[in-house]
Amino acid sequence: MGSAARQTRRAARLRRHRSIRRRLEGTPQRPRLCVFRSNQHIYAQVIDDGAGRTLAAASDLEEAIRAEGGTKSERARAVGRALAGRARERGLTSVVFDRGGFSYAGRVRALAEAAREEGLVF
């Protein structure tokens, strides 16, 4: 993929992300679960936008998740489980899901479903 096409795809994703963020806001009672997906890795955070604080975070770069191995989708599921566990430890049960302009398919969906299975409501 050429440089111009890559820039156009990135700009389109950022435009979608801004559109989504106009409607979503994380509150202390219902923080925002934000997902970022790169070609190789996936990152997720639970954010209270009012205070500007990250309440919980997980990524497939962590040793425990990396040790599990597997496909990128399997690692995304592990990130979702880890994030949900950390959020529950902080007393959070309900979040608003922010897919970050990414399509709700593949790894983003795997992460979301795993977080739901572990008890997060969104």
PDB file of N, CA and C in Angstrom:
ATOM      1  N   MET A   1       0.851  -1.168   0.000  1.00  0.00           N
ATOM      2  CA  MET A   1       0.000   0.000   0.000  1.00  0.00           C
ATOM      3  C   MET A   1       0.896   1.230   0.000  1.00  0.00           C
ATOM      4  N   GLY A   2       0.592   2.165  -0.866  1.00  0.00           N
ATOM      5  CA  GLY A   2       1.400   3.366  -0.982  1.00  0.00           C
ATOM      6  C   GLY A   2       1.190   4.312   0.183  1.00  0.00           C
ATOM      7  N   SER A   3       2.094   5.277   0.274  1.00  0.00           N
ATOM      8  CA  SER A   3       2.054   6.237   1.365  1.00  0.00           C
ATOM      9  C   SER A   3       0.764   7.060   1.362  1.00  0.00           C
ATOM     10  N   ALA A   4       0.330   7.476   0.182  1.00  0.00           N
ATOM     11  CA  ALA A   4      -0.888   8.295   0.095  1.00  0.00           C
ATOM     12  C   ALA A   4      -2.117   7.510   0.543  1.00  0.00           C
ATOM     13  N   ALA A   5      -2.202   6.258   0.150  1.00  0.00           N
ATOM     14  CA  ALA A   5      -3.337   5.421   0.547  1.00  0.00           C
ATOM     15  C   ALA A   5      -3.329   5.194   2.054  1.00  0.00           C
ATOM     16  N   ARG A   6      -2.149   4.998   2.626  1.00  0.00           N
ATOM     17  CA  ARG A   6      -2.034   4.769   4.065  1.00  0.00           C
ATOM     18  C   ARG A   6      -2.509   6.013   4.819  1.00  0.00           C
ATOM     19  N   GLN A   7      -2.102   7.194   4.349  1.00  0.00           N
ATOM     20  CA  GLN A   7      -2.522   8.440   4.983  1.00  0.00           C
ATOM     21  C   GLN A   7      -4.033   8.616   4.887  1.00  0.00           C
ATOM     22  N   THR A   8      -4.613   8.271   3.733  1.00  0.00           N
ATOM     23  CA  THR A   8      -6.048   8.412   3.538  1.00  0.00           C
ATOM     24  C   THR A   8      -6.813   7.476   4.475  1.00  0.00           C
ATOM     25  N   ARG A   9      -6.339   6.228   4.604  1.00  0.00           N
ATOM     26  CA  ARG A   9      -7.004   5.271   5.498  1.00  0.00           C
ATOM     27  C   ARG A   9      -6.931   5.742   6.945  1.00  0.00           C
ATOM     28  N   ARG A  10      -5.767   6.254   7.340  1.00  0.00           N
ATOM     29  CA  ARG A  10      -5.586   6.744   8.716  1.00  0.00           C
ATOM     30  C   ARG A  10      -6.487   7.956   8.958  1.00  0.00           C
ATOM     31  N   ALA A  11      -6.535   8.860   8.012  1.00  0.00           N
ATOM     32  CA  ALA A  11      -7.379  10.050   8.158  1.00  0.00           C
ATOM     33  C   ALA A  11      -8.848   9.658   8.269  1.00  0.00           C
ATOM     34  N   ALA A  12      -9.269   8.662   7.502  1.00  0.00           N
ATOM     35  CA  ALA A  12     -10.659   8.207   7.557  1.00  0.00           C
ATOM     36  C   ALA A  12     -10.969   7.606   8.923  1.00  0.00           C
ATOM     37  N   ARG A  13     -10.039   6.819   9.477  1.00  0.00           N
ATOM     38  CA  ARG A  13     -10.252   6.223  10.799  1.00  0.00           C
ATOM     39  C   ARG A  13     -10.338   7.318  11.856  1.00  0.00           C
ATOM     40  N   LEU A  14      -9.459   8.304  11.784  1.00  0.00           N
ATOM     41  CA  LEU A  14      -9.485   9.395  12.762  1.00  0.00           C
ATOM     42  C   LEU A  14     -10.773  10.208  12.648  1.00  0.00           C
ATOM     43  N   ARG A  15     -11.271  10.386  11.426  1.00  0.00           N
ATOM     44  CA  ARG A  15     -12.535  11.092  11.227  1.00  0.00           C
ATOM     45  C   ARG A  15     -13.679  10.300  11.884  1.00  0.00           C
ATOM     46  N   ARG A  16     -13.684   8.974  11.690  1.00  0.00           N
ATOM     47  CA  ARG A  16     -14.710   8.131  12.330  1.00  0.00           C
ATOM     48  C   ARG A  16     -14.585   8.204  13.852  1.00  0.00           C
ATOM     49  N   HIS A  17     -13.353   8.186  14.338  1.00  0.00           N
ATOM     50  CA  HIS A  17     -13.123   8.225  15.782  1.00  0.00           C
ATOM     51  C   HIS A  17     -13.665   9.535  16.372  1.00  0.00           C
ATOM     52  N   ARG A  18     -13.382  10.658  15.730  1.00  0.00           N
ATOM     53  CA  ARG A  18     -13.898  11.949  16.215  1.00  0.00           C
ATOM     54  C   ARG A  18     -15.426  11.955  16.214  1.00  0.00           C
ATOM     55  N   SER A  19     -16.023  11.371  15.203  1.00  0.00           N
ATOM     56  CA  SER A  19     -17.482  11.300  15.111  1.00  0.00           C
ATOM     57  C   SER A  19     -18.052  10.490  16.272  1.00  0.00           C
ATOM     58  N   ILE A  20     -17.413   9.381  16.579  1.00  0.00           N
ATOM     59  CA  ILE A  20     -17.851   8.532  17.688  1.00  0.00           C
ATOM     60  C   ILE A  20     -17.689   9.272  19.008  1.00  0.00           C
ATOM     61  N   ARG A  21     -16.549   9.975  19.179  1.00  0.00           N
ATOM     62  CA  ARG A  21     -16.255  10.652  20.441  1.00  0.00           C
ATOM     63  C   ARG A  21     -17.195  11.828  20.711  1.00  0.00           C
ATOM     64  N   ARG A  22     -17.824  12.373  19.679  1.00  0.00           N
ATOM     65  CA  ARG A  22     -18.805  13.436  19.903  1.00  0.00           C
ATOM     66  C   ARG A  22     -19.999  12.913  20.703  1.00  0.00           C
ATOM     67  N   ARG A  23     -20.310  11.628  20.504  1.00  0.00           N
ATOM     68  CA  ARG A  23     -21.472  11.042  21.171  1.00  0.00           C
ATOM     69  C   ARG A  23     -21.138  10.349  22.482  1.00  0.00           C
ATOM     70  N   LEU A  24     -19.898   9.892  22.661  1.00  0.00           N
ATOM     71  CA  LEU A  24     -19.521   9.108  23.837  1.00  0.00           C
ATOM     72  C   LEU A  24     -18.718   9.937  24.825  1.00  0.00           C
ATOM     73  N   GLU A  25     -18.976   9.711  26.101  1.00  0.00           N
ATOM     74  CA  GLU A  25     -18.150  10.317  27.135  1.00  0.00           C
ATOM     75  C   GLU A  25     -18.122   9.379  28.325  1.00  0.00           C
ATOM     76  N   GLY A  26     -16.941   9.157  28.855  1.00  0.00           N
ATOM     77  CA  GLY A  26     -16.798   8.311  30.024  1.00  0.00           C
ATOM     78  C   GLY A  26     -17.041   9.101  31.287  1.00  0.00           C
ATOM     79  N   THR A  27     -17.853   8.589  32.171  1.00  0.00           N
ATOM     80  CA  THR A  27     -18.146   9.226  33.457  1.00  0.00           C
ATOM     81  C   THR A  27     -17.563   8.346  34.563  1.00  0.00           C
ATOM     82  N   PRO A  28     -17.493   8.850  35.793  1.00  0.00           N
ATOM     83  CA  PRO A  28     -16.985   7.991  36.874  1.00  0.00           C
ATOM     84  C   PRO A  28     -17.825   6.717  37.065  1.00  0.00           C
ATOM     85  N   GLN A  29     -19.153   6.826  36.874  1.00  0.00           N
ATOM     86  CA  GLN A  29     -20.019   5.661  37.038  1.00  0.00           C
ATOM     87  C   GLN A  29     -19.929   4.731  35.835  1.00  0.00           C
ATOM     88  N   ARG A  30     -19.747   5.310  34.647  1.00  0.00           N
ATOM     89  CA  ARG A  30     -19.723   4.518  33.416  1.00  0.00           C
ATOM     90  C   ARG A  30     -18.585   5.013  32.517  1.00  0.00           C
ATOM     91  N   PRO A  31     -17.348   4.575  32.806  1.00  0.00           N
ATOM     92  CA  PRO A  31     -16.206   5.059  32.035  1.00  0.00           C
ATOM     93  C   PRO A  31     -16.179   4.484  30.623  1.00  0.00           C
ATOM     94  N   ARG A  32     -15.290   5.027  29.809  1.00  0.00           N
ATOM     95  CA  ARG A  32     -15.176   4.647  28.398  1.00  0.00           C
ATOM     96  C   ARG A  32     -14.114   3.565  28.245  1.00  0.00           C
ATOM     97  N   LEU A  33     -14.481   2.461  27.576  1.00  0.00           N
ATOM     98  CA  LEU A  33     -13.520   1.411  27.242  1.00  0.00           C
ATOM     99  C   LEU A  33     -13.034   1.719  25.824  1.00  0.00           C
ATOM    100  N   CYS A  34     -11.797   2.169  25.710  1.00  0.00           N
ATOM    101  CA  CYS A  34     -11.240   2.612  24.438  1.00  0.00           C
ATOM    102  C   CYS A  34     -10.285   1.548  23.907  1.00  0.00           C
ATOM    103  N   VAL A  35     -10.421   1.228  22.623  1.00  0.00           N
ATOM    104  CA  VAL A  35      -9.593   0.195  21.989  1.00  0.00           C
ATOM    105  C   VAL A  35      -8.728   0.826  20.912  1.00  0.00           C
ATOM    106  N   PHE A  36      -7.448   0.437  20.882  1.00  0.00           N
ATOM    107  CA  PHE A  36      -6.573   0.806  19.774  1.00  0.00           C
ATOM    108  C   PHE A  36      -5.963  -0.472  19.223  1.00  0.00           C
ATOM    109  N   ARG A  37      -6.022  -0.611  17.917  1.00  0.00           N
ATOM    110  CA  ARG A  37      -5.518  -1.808  17.248  1.00  0.00           C
ATOM    111  C   ARG A  37      -4.470  -1.376  16.232  1.00  0.00           C
ATOM    112  N   SER A  38      -3.270  -1.922  16.368  1.00  0.00           N
ATOM    113  CA  SER A  38      -2.253  -1.718  15.343  1.00  0.00           C
ATOM    114  C   SER A  38      -2.180  -2.998  14.518  1.00  0.00           C
ATOM    115  N   ASN A  39      -1.278  -3.053  13.573  1.00  0.00           N
ATOM    116  CA  ASN A  39      -1.182  -4.259  12.750  1.00  0.00           C
ATOM    117  C   ASN A  39      -0.820  -5.483  13.573  1.00  0.00           C
ATOM    118  N   GLN A  40      -0.007  -5.297  14.606  1.00  0.00           N
ATOM    119  CA  GLN A  40       0.466  -6.448  15.371  1.00  0.00           C
ATOM    120  C   GLN A  40      -0.108  -6.554  16.774  1.00  0.00           C
ATOM    121  N   HIS A  41      -0.495  -5.436  17.365  1.00  0.00           N
ATOM    122  CA  HIS A  41      -0.869  -5.437  18.773  1.00  0.00           C
ATOM    123  C   HIS A  41      -2.247  -4.820  18.985  1.00  0.00           C
ATOM    124  N   ILE A  42      -2.757  -4.999  20.198  1.00  0.00           N
ATOM    125  CA  ILE A  42      -4.041  -4.388  20.571  1.00  0.00           C
ATOM    126  C   ILE A  42      -3.924  -3.877  21.999  1.00  0.00           C
ATOM    127  N   TYR A  43      -4.482  -2.712  22.244  1.00  0.00           N
ATOM    128  CA  TYR A  43      -4.406  -2.047  23.526  1.00  0.00           C
ATOM    129  C   TYR A  43      -5.824  -1.633  23.918  1.00  0.00           C
ATOM    130  N   ALA A  44      -6.117  -1.653  25.207  1.00  0.00           N
ATOM    131  CA  ALA A  44      -7.438  -1.214  25.674  1.00  0.00           C
ATOM    132  C   ALA A  44      -7.277  -0.501  27.010  1.00  0.00           C
ATOM    133  N   GLN A  45      -8.083   0.544  27.201  1.00  0.00           N
ATOM    134  CA  GLN A  45      -8.065   1.307  28.439  1.00  0.00           C
ATOM    135  C   GLN A  45      -9.489   1.606  28.875  1.00  0.00           C
ATOM    136  N   VAL A  46      -9.683   1.707  30.177  1.00  0.00           N
ATOM    137  CA  VAL A  46     -10.941   2.183  30.728  1.00  0.00           C
ATOM    138  C   VAL A  46     -10.647   3.577  31.262  1.00  0.00           C
ATOM    139  N   ILE A  47     -11.341   4.595  30.715  1.00  0.00           N
ATOM    140  CA  ILE A  47     -10.994   5.986  30.960  1.00  0.00           C
ATOM    141  C   ILE A  47     -12.180   6.756  31.540  1.00  0.00           C
ATOM    142  N   ASP A  48     -11.916   7.540  32.590  1.00  0.00           N
ATOM    143  CA  ASP A  48     -12.888   8.499  33.124  1.00  0.00           C
ATOM    144  C   ASP A  48     -12.557   9.835  32.460  1.00  0.00           C
ATOM    145  N   ASP A  49     -13.351  10.238  31.480  1.00  0.00           N
ATOM    146  CA  ASP A  49     -13.066  11.459  30.731  1.00  0.00           C
ATOM    147  C   ASP A  49     -13.220  12.715  31.576  1.00  0.00           C
ATOM    148  N   GLY A  50     -14.106  12.688  32.561  1.00  0.00           N
ATOM    149  CA  GLY A  50     -14.300  13.860  33.414  1.00  0.00           C
ATOM    150  C   GLY A  50     -13.037  14.214  34.175  1.00  0.00           C
ATOM    151  N   ALA A  51     -12.396  13.213  34.758  1.00  0.00           N
ATOM    152  CA  ALA A  51     -11.177  13.432  35.529  1.00  0.00           C
ATOM    153  C   ALA A  51      -9.934  13.340  34.649  1.00  0.00           C
ATOM    154  N   GLY A  52     -10.097  12.805  33.431  1.00  0.00           N
ATOM    155  CA  GLY A  52      -8.945  12.636  32.551  1.00  0.00           C
ATOM    156  C   GLY A  52      -7.987  11.574  33.049  1.00  0.00           C
ATOM    157  N   ARG A  53      -8.525  10.508  33.646  1.00  0.00           N
ATOM    158  CA  ARG A  53      -7.684   9.455  34.224  1.00  0.00           C
ATOM    159  C   ARG A  53      -7.968   8.101  33.599  1.00  0.00           C
ATOM    160  N   THR A  54      -6.917   7.321  33.433  1.00  0.00           N
ATOM    161  CA  THR A  54      -7.055   5.935  33.012  1.00  0.00           C
ATOM    162  C   THR A  54      -7.252   5.098  34.269  1.00  0.00           C
ATOM    163  N   LEU A  55      -8.353   4.354  34.312  1.00  0.00           N
ATOM    164  CA  LEU A  55      -8.686   3.570  35.497  1.00  0.00           C
ATOM    165  C   LEU A  55      -8.142   2.147  35.421  1.00  0.00           C
ATOM    166  N   ALA A  56      -8.049   1.610  34.210  1.00  0.00           N
ATOM    167  CA  ALA A  56      -7.515   0.262  34.009  1.00  0.00           C
ATOM    168  C   ALA A  56      -7.012   0.174  32.574  1.00  0.00           C
ATOM    169  N   ALA A  57      -5.997  -0.642  32.361  1.00  0.00           N
ATOM    170  CA  ALA A  57      -5.450  -0.789  31.011  1.00  0.00           C
ATOM    171  C   ALA A  57      -4.916  -2.202  30.833  1.00  0.00           C
ATOM    172  N   ALA A  58      -4.889  -2.644  29.590  1.00  0.00           N
ATOM    173  CA  ALA A  58      -4.317  -3.950  29.260  1.00  0.00           C
ATOM    174  C   ALA A  58      -3.845  -3.917  27.809  1.00  0.00           C
ATOM    175  N   SER A  59      -2.864  -4.734  27.512  1.00  0.00           N
ATOM    176  CA  SER A  59      -2.321  -4.795  26.161  1.00  0.00           C
ATOM    177  C   SER A  59      -1.723  -6.176  25.938  1.00  0.00           C
ATOM    178  N   ASP A  60      -1.598  -6.562  24.685  1.00  0.00           N
ATOM    179  CA  ASP A  60      -1.005  -7.869  24.414  1.00  0.00           C
ATOM    180  C   ASP A  60       0.518  -7.830  24.488  1.00  0.00           C
ATOM    181  N   LEU A  61       1.086  -6.705  24.894  1.00  0.00           N
ATOM    182  CA  LEU A  61       2.528  -6.618  25.115  1.00  0.00           C
ATOM    183  C   LEU A  61       2.909  -7.079  26.523  1.00  0.00           C
ATOM    184  N   GLU A  62       1.924  -7.272  27.399  1.00  0.00           N
ATOM    185  CA  GLU A  62       2.203  -7.719  28.766  1.00  0.00           C
ATOM    186  C   GLU A  62       2.719  -9.155  28.745  1.00  0.00           C
ATOM    187  N   GLU A  63       3.636  -9.439  29.655  1.00  0.00           N
ATOM    188  CA  GLU A  63       4.277 -10.755  29.686  1.00  0.00           C
ATOM    189  C   GLU A  63       3.276 -11.887  29.804  1.00  0.00           C
ATOM    190  N   ALA A  64       2.299 -11.763  30.701  1.00  0.00           N
ATOM    191  CA  ALA A  64       1.338 -12.851  30.937  1.00  0.00           C
ATOM    192  C   ALA A  64       0.538 -13.160  29.673  1.00  0.00           C
ATOM    193  N   ILE A  65       0.134 -12.134  28.957  1.00  0.00           N
ATOM    194  CA  ILE A  65      -0.663 -12.334  27.748  1.00  0.00           C
ATOM    195  C   ILE A  65       0.222 -12.823  26.612  1.00  0.00           C
ATOM    196  N   ARG A  66       1.435 -12.293  26.555  1.00  0.00           N
ATOM    197  CA  ARG A  66       2.381 -12.712  25.516  1.00  0.00           C
ATOM    198  C   ARG A  66       2.736 -14.192  25.668  1.00  0.00           C
ATOM    199  N   ALA A  67       2.839 -14.639  26.913  1.00  0.00           N
ATOM    200  CA  ALA A  67       3.214 -16.030  27.170  1.00  0.00           C
ATOM    201  C   ALA A  67       2.146 -16.998  26.672  1.00  0.00           C
ATOM    202  N   GLU A  68       0.876 -16.552  26.673  1.00  0.00           N
ATOM    203  CA  GLU A  68      -0.208 -17.408  26.188  1.00  0.00           C
ATOM    204  C   GLU A  68      -0.047 -17.704  24.703  1.00  0.00           C
ATOM    205  N   GLY A  69       0.516 -16.740  23.962  1.00  0.00           N
ATOM    206  CA  GLY A  69       0.701 -16.930  22.519  1.00  0.00           C
ATOM    207  C   GLY A  69      -0.629 -16.962  21.794  1.00  0.00           C
ATOM    208  N   GLY A  70      -0.674 -17.671  20.695  1.00  0.00           N
ATOM    209  CA  GLY A  70      -1.899 -17.781  19.918  1.00  0.00           C
ATOM    210  C   GLY A  70      -1.986 -16.739  18.827  1.00  0.00           C
ATOM    211  N   THR A  71      -3.120 -16.746  18.153  1.00  0.00           N
ATOM    212  CA  THR A  71      -3.334 -15.790  17.064  1.00  0.00           C
ATOM    213  C   THR A  71      -3.609 -14.400  17.638  1.00  0.00           C
ATOM    214  N   LYS A  72      -3.647 -13.411  16.775  1.00  0.00           N
ATOM    215  CA  LYS A  72      -3.927 -12.050  17.227  1.00  0.00           C
ATOM    216  C   LYS A  72      -5.316 -11.959  17.848  1.00  0.00           C
ATOM    217  N   SER A  73      -6.284 -12.691  17.317  1.00  0.00           N
ATOM    218  CA  SER A  73      -7.633 -12.680  17.888  1.00  0.00           C
ATOM    219  C   SER A  73      -7.647 -13.331  19.276  1.00  0.00           C
ATOM    220  N   GLU A  74      -6.897 -14.391  19.453  1.00  0.00           N
ATOM    221  CA  GLU A  74      -6.821 -15.036  20.766  1.00  0.00           C
ATOM    222  C   GLU A  74      -6.163 -14.116  21.784  1.00  0.00           C
ATOM    223  N   ARG A  75      -5.129 -13.381  21.354  1.00  0.00           N
ATOM    224  CA  ARG A  75      -4.486 -12.413  22.248  1.00  0.00           C
ATOM    225  C   ARG A  75      -5.456 -11.277  22.579  1.00  0.00           C
ATOM    226  N   ALA A  76      -6.283 -10.860  21.614  1.00  0.00           N
ATOM    227  CA  ALA A  76      -7.268  -9.809  21.866  1.00  0.00           C
ATOM    228  C   ALA A  76      -8.276 -10.276  22.913  1.00  0.00           C
ATOM    229  N   ARG A  77      -8.690 -11.541  22.835  1.00  0.00           N
ATOM    230  CA  ARG A  77      -9.599 -12.088  23.848  1.00  0.00           C
ATOM    231  C   ARG A  77      -8.941 -12.057  25.230  1.00  0.00           C
ATOM    232  N   ALA A  78      -7.654 -12.407  25.287  1.00  0.00           N
ATOM    233  CA  ALA A  78      -6.929 -12.382  26.568  1.00  0.00           C
ATOM    234  C   ALA A  78      -6.850 -10.961  27.117  1.00  0.00           C
ATOM    235  N   VAL A  79      -6.661  -9.978  26.253  1.00  0.00           N
ATOM    236  CA  VAL A  79      -6.622  -8.574  26.680  1.00  0.00           C
ATOM    237  C   VAL A  79      -7.985  -8.176  27.236  1.00  0.00           C
ATOM    238  N   GLY A  80      -9.066  -8.571  26.570  1.00  0.00           N
ATOM    239  CA  GLY A  80     -10.411  -8.264  27.049  1.00  0.00           C
ATOM    240  C   GLY A  80     -10.682  -8.861  28.421  1.00  0.00           C
ATOM    241  N   ARG A  81     -10.261 -10.119  28.618  1.00  0.00           N
ATOM    242  CA  ARG A  81     -10.451 -10.772  29.919  1.00  0.00           C
ATOM    243  C   ARG A  81      -9.650 -10.041  31.005  1.00  0.00           C
ATOM    244  N   ALA A  82      -8.381  -9.719  30.698  1.00  0.00           N
ATOM    245  CA  ALA A  82      -7.524  -9.042  31.677  1.00  0.00           C
ATOM    246  C   ALA A  82      -8.080  -7.673  32.039  1.00  0.00           C
ATOM    247  N   LEU A  83      -8.517  -6.933  31.040  1.00  0.00           N
ATOM    248  CA  LEU A  83      -9.050  -5.591  31.289  1.00  0.00           C
ATOM    249  C   LEU A  83     -10.322  -5.653  32.136  1.00  0.00           C
ATOM    250  N   ALA A  84     -11.203  -6.586  31.823  1.00  0.00           N
ATOM    251  CA  ALA A  84     -12.442  -6.718  32.595  1.00  0.00           C
ATOM    252  C   ALA A  84     -12.138  -7.072  34.049  1.00  0.00           C
ATOM    253  N   GLY A  85     -11.173  -7.939  34.261  1.00  0.00           N
ATOM    254  CA  GLY A  85     -10.785  -8.299  35.629  1.00  0.00           C
ATOM    255  C   GLY A  85     -10.260  -7.099  36.398  1.00  0.00           C
ATOM    256  N   ARG A  86      -9.423  -6.300  35.751  1.00  0.00           N
ATOM    257  CA  ARG A  86      -8.863  -5.114  36.410  1.00  0.00           C
ATOM    258  C   ARG A  86      -9.946  -4.074  36.682  1.00  0.00           C
ATOM    259  N   ALA A  87     -10.888  -3.946  35.759  1.00  0.00           N
ATOM    260  CA  ALA A  87     -11.980  -2.994  35.960  1.00  0.00           C
ATOM    261  C   ALA A  87     -12.856  -3.432  37.129  1.00  0.00           C
ATOM    262  N   ARG A  88     -13.144  -4.730  37.221  1.00  0.00           N
ATOM    263  CA  ARG A  88     -13.952  -5.250  38.327  1.00  0.00           C
ATOM    264  C   ARG A  88     -13.252  -5.027  39.663  1.00  0.00           C
ATOM    265  N   GLU A  89     -11.920  -5.177  39.697  1.00  0.00           N
ATOM    266  CA  GLU A  89     -11.160  -4.940  40.924  1.00  0.00           C
ATOM    267  C   GLU A  89     -11.343  -3.500  41.408  1.00  0.00           C
ATOM    268  N   ARG A  90     -11.525  -2.575  40.478  1.00  0.00           N
ATOM    269  CA  ARG A  90     -11.724  -1.166  40.821  1.00  0.00           C
ATOM    270  C   ARG A  90     -13.198  -0.851  41.070  1.00  0.00           C
ATOM    271  N   GLY A  91     -14.044  -1.871  41.019  1.00  0.00           N
ATOM    272  CA  GLY A  91     -15.460  -1.694  41.298  1.00  0.00           C
ATOM    273  C   GLY A  91     -16.277  -1.227  40.109  1.00  0.00           C
ATOM    274  N   LEU A  92     -15.758  -1.383  38.905  1.00  0.00           N
ATOM    275  CA  LEU A  92     -16.476  -0.961  37.701  1.00  0.00           C
ATOM    276  C   LEU A  92     -17.169  -2.158  37.074  1.00  0.00           C
ATOM    277  N   THR A  93     -18.450  -1.992  36.790  1.00  0.00           N
ATOM    278  CA  THR A  93     -19.186  -3.087  36.157  1.00  0.00           C
ATOM    279  C   THR A  93     -19.769  -2.678  34.816  1.00  0.00           C
ATOM    280  N   SER A  94     -19.925  -1.364  34.594  1.00  0.00           N
ATOM    281  CA  SER A  94     -20.561  -0.883  33.381  1.00  0.00           C
ATOM    282  C   SER A  94     -19.645   0.121  32.684  1.00  0.00           C
ATOM    283  N   VAL A  95     -19.487  -0.016  31.368  1.00  0.00           N
ATOM    284  CA  VAL A  95     -18.645   0.890  30.593  1.00  0.00           C
ATOM    285  C   VAL A  95     -19.359   1.283  29.304  1.00  0.00           C
ATOM    286  N   VAL A  96     -18.823   2.298  28.639  1.00  0.00           N
ATOM    287  CA  VAL A  96     -19.264   2.701  27.307  1.00  0.00           C
ATOM    288  C   VAL A  96     -18.175   2.233  26.355  1.00  0.00           C
ATOM    289  N   PHE A  97     -18.522   1.536  25.279  1.00  0.00           N
ATOM    290  CA  PHE A  97     -17.516   0.970  24.378  1.00  0.00           C
ATOM    291  C   PHE A  97     -17.168   1.952  23.277  1.00  0.00           C
ATOM    292  N   ASP A  98     -15.873   2.256  23.150  1.00  0.00           N
ATOM    293  CA  ASP A  98     -15.352   3.149  22.112  1.00  0.00           C
ATOM    294  C   ASP A  98     -14.429   2.325  21.226  1.00  0.00           C
ATOM    295  N   ARG A  99     -14.897   2.013  20.022  1.00  0.00           N
ATOM    296  CA  ARG A  99     -14.106   1.166  19.122  1.00  0.00           C
ATOM    297  C   ARG A  99     -12.994   1.938  18.427  1.00  0.00           C
ATOM    298  N   GLY A 100     -12.897   3.227  18.662  1.00  0.00           N
ATOM    299  CA  GLY A 100     -11.779   4.017  18.162  1.00  0.00           C
ATOM    300  C   GLY A 100     -11.763   4.213  16.666  1.00  0.00           C
ATOM    301  N   GLY A 101     -12.905   4.119  16.017  1.00  0.00           N
ATOM    302  CA  GLY A 101     -12.948   4.288  14.574  1.00  0.00           C
ATOM    303  C   GLY A 101     -12.644   3.009  13.813  1.00  0.00           C
ATOM    304  N   PHE A 102     -12.324   1.951  14.536  1.00  0.00           N
ATOM    305  CA  PHE A 102     -12.052   0.663  13.901  1.00  0.00           C
ATOM    306  C   PHE A 102     -13.370  -0.067  13.678  1.00  0.00           C
ATOM    307  N   SER A 103     -13.402  -0.929  12.690  1.00  0.00           N
ATOM    308  CA  SER A 103     -14.581  -1.731  12.411  1.00  0.00           C
ATOM    309  C   SER A 103     -14.827  -2.695  13.573  1.00  0.00           C
ATOM    310  N   TYR A 104     -16.097  -2.864  13.952  1.00  0.00           N
ATOM    311  CA  TYR A 104     -16.435  -3.799  15.027  1.00  0.00           C
ATOM    312  C   TYR A 104     -16.448  -5.207  14.440  1.00  0.00           C
ATOM    313  N   ALA A 105     -15.267  -5.736  14.229  1.00  0.00           N
ATOM    314  CA  ALA A 105     -15.103  -7.072  13.665  1.00  0.00           C
ATOM    315  C   ALA A 105     -13.726  -7.556  14.066  1.00  0.00           C
ATOM    316  N   GLY A 106     -13.484  -8.819  13.918  1.00  0.00           N
ATOM    317  CA  GLY A 106     -12.156  -9.366  14.168  1.00  0.00           C
ATOM    318  C   GLY A 106     -11.690  -9.169  15.588  1.00  0.00           C
ATOM    319  N   ARG A 107     -10.512  -8.556  15.739  1.00  0.00           N
ATOM    320  CA  ARG A 107      -9.902  -8.415  17.057  1.00  0.00           C
ATOM    321  C   ARG A 107     -10.669  -7.485  17.975  1.00  0.00           C
ATOM    322  N   VAL A 108     -11.246  -6.416  17.423  1.00  0.00           N
ATOM    323  CA  VAL A 108     -12.011  -5.485  18.256  1.00  0.00           C
ATOM    324  C   VAL A 108     -13.224  -6.209  18.840  1.00  0.00           C
ATOM    325  N   ARG A 109     -13.896  -6.972  18.026  1.00  0.00           N
ATOM    326  CA  ARG A 109     -15.058  -7.727  18.488  1.00  0.00           C
ATOM    327  C   ARG A 109     -14.653  -8.804  19.494  1.00  0.00           C
ATOM    328  N   ALA A 110     -13.532  -9.491  19.248  1.00  0.00           N
ATOM    329  CA  ALA A 110     -13.060 -10.529  20.161  1.00  0.00           C
ATOM    330  C   ALA A 110     -12.776  -9.935  21.539  1.00  0.00           C
ATOM    331  N   LEU A 111     -12.144  -8.769  21.574  1.00  0.00           N
ATOM    332  CA  LEU A 111     -11.852  -8.103  22.839  1.00  0.00           C
ATOM    333  C   LEU A 111     -13.154  -7.741  23.557  1.00  0.00           C
ATOM    334  N   ALA A 112     -14.099  -7.163  22.829  1.00  0.00           N
ATOM    335  CA  ALA A 112     -15.367  -6.739  23.422  1.00  0.00           C
ATOM    336  C   ALA A 112     -16.139  -7.927  23.984  1.00  0.00           C
ATOM    337  N   GLU A 113     -16.231  -9.006  23.235  1.00  0.00           N
ATOM    338  CA  GLU A 113     -16.982 -10.172  23.691  1.00  0.00           C
ATOM    339  C   GLU A 113     -16.336 -10.803  24.914  1.00  0.00           C
ATOM    340  N   ALA A 114     -14.994 -10.846  24.945  1.00  0.00           N
ATOM    341  CA  ALA A 114     -14.305 -11.412  26.103  1.00  0.00           C
ATOM    342  C   ALA A 114     -14.545 -10.554  27.342  1.00  0.00           C
ATOM    343  N   ALA A 115     -14.548  -9.238  27.182  1.00  0.00           N
ATOM    344  CA  ALA A 115     -14.809  -8.344  28.317  1.00  0.00           C
ATOM    345  C   ALA A 115     -16.241  -8.548  28.829  1.00  0.00           C
ATOM    346  N   ARG A 116     -17.188  -8.734  27.903  1.00  0.00           N
ATOM    347  CA  ARG A 116     -18.578  -8.993  28.314  1.00  0.00           C
ATOM    348  C   ARG A 116     -18.688 -10.306  29.074  1.00  0.00           C
ATOM    349  N   GLU A 117     -18.005 -11.345  28.573  1.00  0.00           N
ATOM    350  CA  GLU A 117     -18.044 -12.656  29.238  1.00  0.00           C
ATOM    351  C   GLU A 117     -17.502 -12.575  30.653  1.00  0.00           C
ATOM    352  N   GLU A 118     -16.540 -11.667  30.878  1.00  0.00           N
ATOM    353  CA  GLU A 118     -15.943 -11.524  32.217  1.00  0.00           C
ATOM    354  C   GLU A 118     -16.747 -10.604  33.117  1.00  0.00           C
ATOM    355  N   GLY A 119     -17.885 -10.088  32.634  1.00  0.00           N
ATOM    356  CA  GLY A 119     -18.773  -9.355  33.517  1.00  0.00           C
ATOM    357  C   GLY A 119     -18.932  -7.870  33.244  1.00  0.00           C
ATOM    358  N   LEU A 120     -18.215  -7.300  32.304  1.00  0.00           N
ATOM    359  CA  LEU A 120     -18.433  -5.881  31.997  1.00  0.00           C
ATOM    360  C   LEU A 120     -19.717  -5.733  31.197  1.00  0.00           C
ATOM    361  N   VAL A 121     -20.490  -4.711  31.497  1.00  0.00           N
ATOM    362  CA  VAL A 121     -21.763  -4.478  30.822  1.00  0.00           C
ATOM    363  C   VAL A 121     -21.607  -3.290  29.902  1.00  0.00           C
ATOM    364  N   PHE A 122     -21.893  -3.503  28.604  1.00  0.00           N
ATOM    365  CA  PHE A 122     -21.955  -2.413  27.622  1.00  0.00           C
ATOM    366  C   PHE A 122     -22.720  -2.845  26.414  1.00  0.00           C
TER     367      PHE A 122
END
